[in-house]
């Protein structure tokens, strides 16, 4: 039987020392960051020791986001052994998105890329900014649609609903029905356009697939849908987290058109 050697995380240790923080102070800073982000964590001196010794190799999302806030660096640059080393979603220049490895500059398509682990304690519930782009053949130009949406998670299912009055296009409610498979999100979308708008109340629907970034705060990918000329169109779509809360106050705060 072979055993995997424990490799100390000297990068994280160096970053912490550079911030002139003891392990205990670093843990306190992580707890403060979690509170500021609206997602409290239980960072302790012992946890920091486990990270730096290499005993614990991958932080859960709630800690990854706190680490980024405290250090000012992406979690991939802190010496952790992530499932997709230094992976970030980036536009491929062709309307799609790829996973890019920052350390080497190489890219791999979504198909075949090893998905990042999604901790069982993680949740995508909250208020997100949805933004997609589409080409209007009748107007000969590209446009974008933006909505503030609320995501409610039940197991691996995500129910997404735009908030009242929270669309860049008046009276165009948006819904998505999604399934999470580690860092791949797949599902369907439906948008009902305004009766007195440019599209005269037309109902559009289609499929969507997104990749989730390691911190769990952004999803990016592509939509597929039909056009009025019996054609199938596609374009980029992304979701960005704006608030972890789904309280009544939070939903009322974002029931307005995105800026």
Foldseek 3Di string as FASTA:
>chain_A
DDDDDQDFQVLLVVLCVVVVHDLQRLQVQLQVLLVVQVHGDRRGSVVSVCNRRRVDQDDALSSQNSVCVVRVDHSLRRRGDWLQRCWDWDDPVPQWIWTAHVVVRDTDHPVPRDFTAHDPPDDLFAKKKKKWKDADPVVGGIDMKIFTWGWDDDRQWIWIWGAAAAIPAHPWIKIWIWGDDRFKIKTKMKIFHDCPDPVNRDIWMWIWMWGADRSRFKTKGKTWTADPVRHIDMGIMMIGHDGNDPDPVRSVVNSHYDD
